[in-house]
Amino acid sequence: MSEFKPSILSKMDVTLEEACQALPGGGNHTQRKIVAECLLTAARQGRSTLGEFSIIARKAVAELPRTE
């Protein structure tokens, strides 16, 4: 059983996909994992809205190390 409600998991999934669209090819595994971990941390801290997840995911993408 998941530690989160299905509605929260769905919001996290949507925001992960939307935020990673800004990355070339939708992001690689490592980049997506970093963003997902930020979303998980936020959810564990009680954040649960689409808006909160969206801000967190976009910030995580913006802070990713640039790869050439």
N, C-alpha and C. Protein backbone atom coordinates (compact mmCIF):
# COMPACT_ATOMS: atom_id res chain seq x y z
N MET A 1 0.84 -1.18 0.00
CA MET A 1 0.00 0.00 0.00
C MET A 1 0.88 1.25 0.00
N SER A 2 0.49 2.23 -0.80
CA SER A 2 1.24 3.48 -0.91
C SER A 2 1.05 4.34 0.34
N GLU A 3 2.05 5.16 0.62
CA GLU A 3 1.92 6.07 1.76
C GLU A 3 1.09 7.30 1.41
N PHE A 4 0.74 7.46 0.13
CA PHE A 4 -0.03 8.63 -0.33
C PHE A 4 -1.35 8.20 -0.95
N LYS A 5 -2.32 9.10 -0.86
CA LYS A 5 -3.61 8.88 -1.51
C LYS A 5 -3.42 8.90 -3.02
N PRO A 6 -4.24 8.16 -3.75
CA PRO A 6 -4.14 8.16 -5.22
C PRO A 6 -4.22 9.56 -5.83
N SER A 7 -5.03 10.43 -5.25
CA SER A 7 -5.15 11.79 -5.80
C SER A 7 -3.84 12.56 -5.68
N ILE A 8 -3.12 12.37 -4.60
CA ILE A 8 -1.83 13.04 -4.43
C ILE A 8 -0.81 12.46 -5.39
N LEU A 9 -0.81 11.15 -5.54
CA LEU A 9 0.12 10.52 -6.49
C LEU A 9 -0.14 11.01 -7.91
N SER A 10 -1.39 11.17 -8.25
CA SER A 10 -1.76 11.66 -9.57
C SER A 10 -1.24 13.08 -9.79
N LYS A 11 -1.41 13.94 -8.81
CA LYS A 11 -0.91 15.31 -8.91
C LYS A 11 0.61 15.33 -9.05
N MET A 12 1.28 14.49 -8.30
CA MET A 12 2.74 14.44 -8.39
C MET A 12 3.17 13.96 -9.77
N ASP A 13 2.48 12.98 -10.31
CA ASP A 13 2.80 12.45 -11.64
C ASP A 13 2.61 13.52 -12.72
N VAL A 14 1.50 14.22 -12.65
CA VAL A 14 1.21 15.27 -13.63
C VAL A 14 2.27 16.36 -13.58
N THR A 15 2.62 16.81 -12.39
CA THR A 15 3.59 17.89 -12.28
C THR A 15 4.99 17.44 -12.68
N LEU A 16 5.33 16.19 -12.40
CA LEU A 16 6.63 15.66 -12.85
C LEU A 16 6.70 15.70 -14.37
N GLU A 17 5.67 15.21 -15.02
CA GLU A 17 5.65 15.19 -16.49
C GLU A 17 5.71 16.60 -17.07
N GLU A 18 4.91 17.50 -16.52
CA GLU A 18 4.88 18.87 -17.04
C GLU A 18 6.22 19.57 -16.85
N ALA A 19 6.80 19.44 -15.67
CA ALA A 19 8.07 20.12 -15.40
C ALA A 19 9.20 19.56 -16.26
N CYS A 20 9.20 18.26 -16.46
CA CYS A 20 10.29 17.64 -17.23
C CYS A 20 10.17 17.88 -18.73
N GLN A 21 9.04 18.39 -19.19
CA GLN A 21 8.91 18.76 -20.59
C GLN A 21 9.90 19.86 -20.96
N ALA A 22 10.31 20.64 -19.97
CA ALA A 22 11.27 21.72 -20.22
C ALA A 22 12.68 21.19 -20.45
N LEU A 23 12.91 19.93 -20.17
CA LEU A 23 14.24 19.32 -20.34
C LEU A 23 14.33 18.65 -21.70
N PRO A 24 15.52 18.65 -22.29
CA PRO A 24 15.69 17.96 -23.58
C PRO A 24 15.25 16.50 -23.47
N GLY A 25 14.39 16.09 -24.37
CA GLY A 25 13.92 14.71 -24.38
C GLY A 25 13.08 14.34 -23.18
N GLY A 26 12.58 15.33 -22.46
CA GLY A 26 11.78 15.04 -21.27
C GLY A 26 12.61 14.70 -20.05
N GLY A 27 13.91 14.87 -20.16
CA GLY A 27 14.81 14.59 -19.04
C GLY A 27 15.28 13.15 -19.02
N ASN A 28 16.46 12.96 -18.47
CA ASN A 28 16.98 11.60 -18.34
C ASN A 28 16.55 11.02 -16.99
N HIS A 29 16.89 9.78 -16.77
CA HIS A 29 16.46 9.09 -15.55
C HIS A 29 16.92 9.84 -14.30
N THR A 30 18.15 10.27 -14.27
CA THR A 30 18.70 10.94 -13.09
C THR A 30 17.98 12.26 -12.83
N GLN A 31 17.74 13.04 -13.87
CA GLN A 31 17.05 14.31 -13.72
C GLN A 31 15.63 14.11 -13.21
N ARG A 32 14.93 13.16 -13.79
CA ARG A 32 13.55 12.89 -13.38
C ARG A 32 13.51 12.38 -11.94
N LYS A 33 14.49 11.59 -11.57
CA LYS A 33 14.55 11.07 -10.20
C LYS A 33 14.73 12.21 -9.19
N ILE A 34 15.58 13.17 -9.52
CA ILE A 34 15.80 14.31 -8.63
C ILE A 34 14.50 15.09 -8.43
N VAL A 35 13.81 15.36 -9.51
CA VAL A 35 12.55 16.10 -9.43
C VAL A 35 11.52 15.29 -8.64
N ALA A 36 11.43 14.00 -8.90
CA ALA A 36 10.48 13.14 -8.19
C ALA A 36 10.78 13.11 -6.69
N GLU A 37 12.05 13.08 -6.33
CA GLU A 37 12.42 13.08 -4.91
C GLU A 37 12.00 14.38 -4.23
N CYS A 38 12.12 15.49 -4.94
CA CYS A 38 11.66 16.77 -4.40
C CYS A 38 10.15 16.74 -4.16
N LEU A 39 9.42 16.16 -5.09
CA LEU A 39 7.97 16.06 -4.93
C LEU A 39 7.61 15.14 -3.76
N LEU A 40 8.31 14.04 -3.62
CA LEU A 40 8.05 13.13 -2.50
C LEU A 40 8.32 13.81 -1.17
N THR A 41 9.40 14.53 -1.09
CA THR A 41 9.73 15.26 0.14
C THR A 41 8.63 16.25 0.48
N ALA A 42 8.17 16.97 -0.52
CA ALA A 42 7.11 17.95 -0.30
C ALA A 42 5.83 17.28 0.19
N ALA A 43 5.48 16.16 -0.42
CA ALA A 43 4.27 15.44 -0.02
C ALA A 43 4.39 14.94 1.42
N ARG A 44 5.56 14.49 1.78
CA ARG A 44 5.77 14.02 3.15
C ARG A 44 5.68 15.16 4.16
N GLN A 45 5.95 16.38 3.69
CA GLN A 45 5.85 17.56 4.56
C GLN A 45 4.43 18.12 4.60
N GLY A 46 3.51 17.47 3.92
CA GLY A 46 2.11 17.87 3.98
C GLY A 46 1.61 18.69 2.82
N ARG A 47 2.47 18.96 1.86
CA ARG A 47 2.00 19.69 0.68
C ARG A 47 1.19 18.73 -0.18
N SER A 48 0.09 19.23 -0.74
CA SER A 48 -0.76 18.28 -1.47
C SER A 48 -1.51 18.89 -2.64
N THR A 49 -1.30 20.18 -2.91
CA THR A 49 -2.05 20.79 -4.01
C THR A 49 -1.25 20.75 -5.31
N LEU A 50 -1.98 20.80 -6.40
CA LEU A 50 -1.35 20.82 -7.71
C LEU A 50 -0.44 22.04 -7.85
N GLY A 51 -0.88 23.18 -7.34
CA GLY A 51 -0.08 24.40 -7.41
C GLY A 51 1.23 24.27 -6.66
N GLU A 52 1.17 23.71 -5.46
CA GLU A 52 2.40 23.52 -4.67
C GLU A 52 3.36 22.58 -5.40
N PHE A 53 2.84 21.47 -5.88
CA PHE A 53 3.69 20.51 -6.58
C PHE A 53 4.28 21.12 -7.85
N SER A 54 3.51 21.92 -8.54
CA SER A 54 3.99 22.54 -9.77
C SER A 54 5.16 23.48 -9.49
N ILE A 55 5.03 24.30 -8.47
CA ILE A 55 6.12 25.22 -8.11
C ILE A 55 7.36 24.45 -7.71
N ILE A 56 7.19 23.42 -6.91
CA ILE A 56 8.32 22.62 -6.43
C ILE A 56 9.02 21.92 -7.60
N ALA A 57 8.24 21.35 -8.50
CA ALA A 57 8.83 20.63 -9.64
C ALA A 57 9.57 21.58 -10.58
N ARG A 58 8.97 22.73 -10.87
CA ARG A 58 9.65 23.70 -11.75
C ARG A 58 10.92 24.22 -11.12
N LYS A 59 10.90 24.46 -9.82
CA LYS A 59 12.10 24.92 -9.13
C LYS A 59 13.19 23.85 -9.18
N ALA A 60 12.80 22.60 -8.97
CA ALA A 60 13.77 21.50 -9.02
C ALA A 60 14.40 21.40 -10.41
N VAL A 61 13.60 21.56 -11.46
CA VAL A 61 14.12 21.50 -12.83
C VAL A 61 15.10 22.65 -13.05
N ALA A 62 14.73 23.84 -12.57
CA ALA A 62 15.59 25.02 -12.76
C ALA A 62 16.93 24.87 -12.05
N GLU A 63 16.94 24.11 -10.95
CA GLU A 63 18.16 23.94 -10.17
C GLU A 63 19.00 22.74 -10.57
N LEU A 64 18.54 21.98 -11.55
CA LEU A 64 19.31 20.82 -12.00
C LEU A 64 20.64 21.27 -12.58
N PRO A 65 21.70 20.49 -12.35
CA PRO A 65 22.97 20.82 -12.99
C PRO A 65 22.83 20.76 -14.51
N ARG A 66 23.41 21.69 -15.18
CA ARG A 66 23.35 21.72 -16.65
C ARG A 66 24.33 20.71 -17.22
N THR A 67 23.84 19.91 -18.14
CA THR A 67 24.70 18.94 -18.83
C THR A 67 24.85 19.40 -20.28
N GLU A 68 26.00 19.25 -20.80
CA GLU A 68 26.29 19.66 -22.20
C GLU A 68 26.35 18.48 -23.08
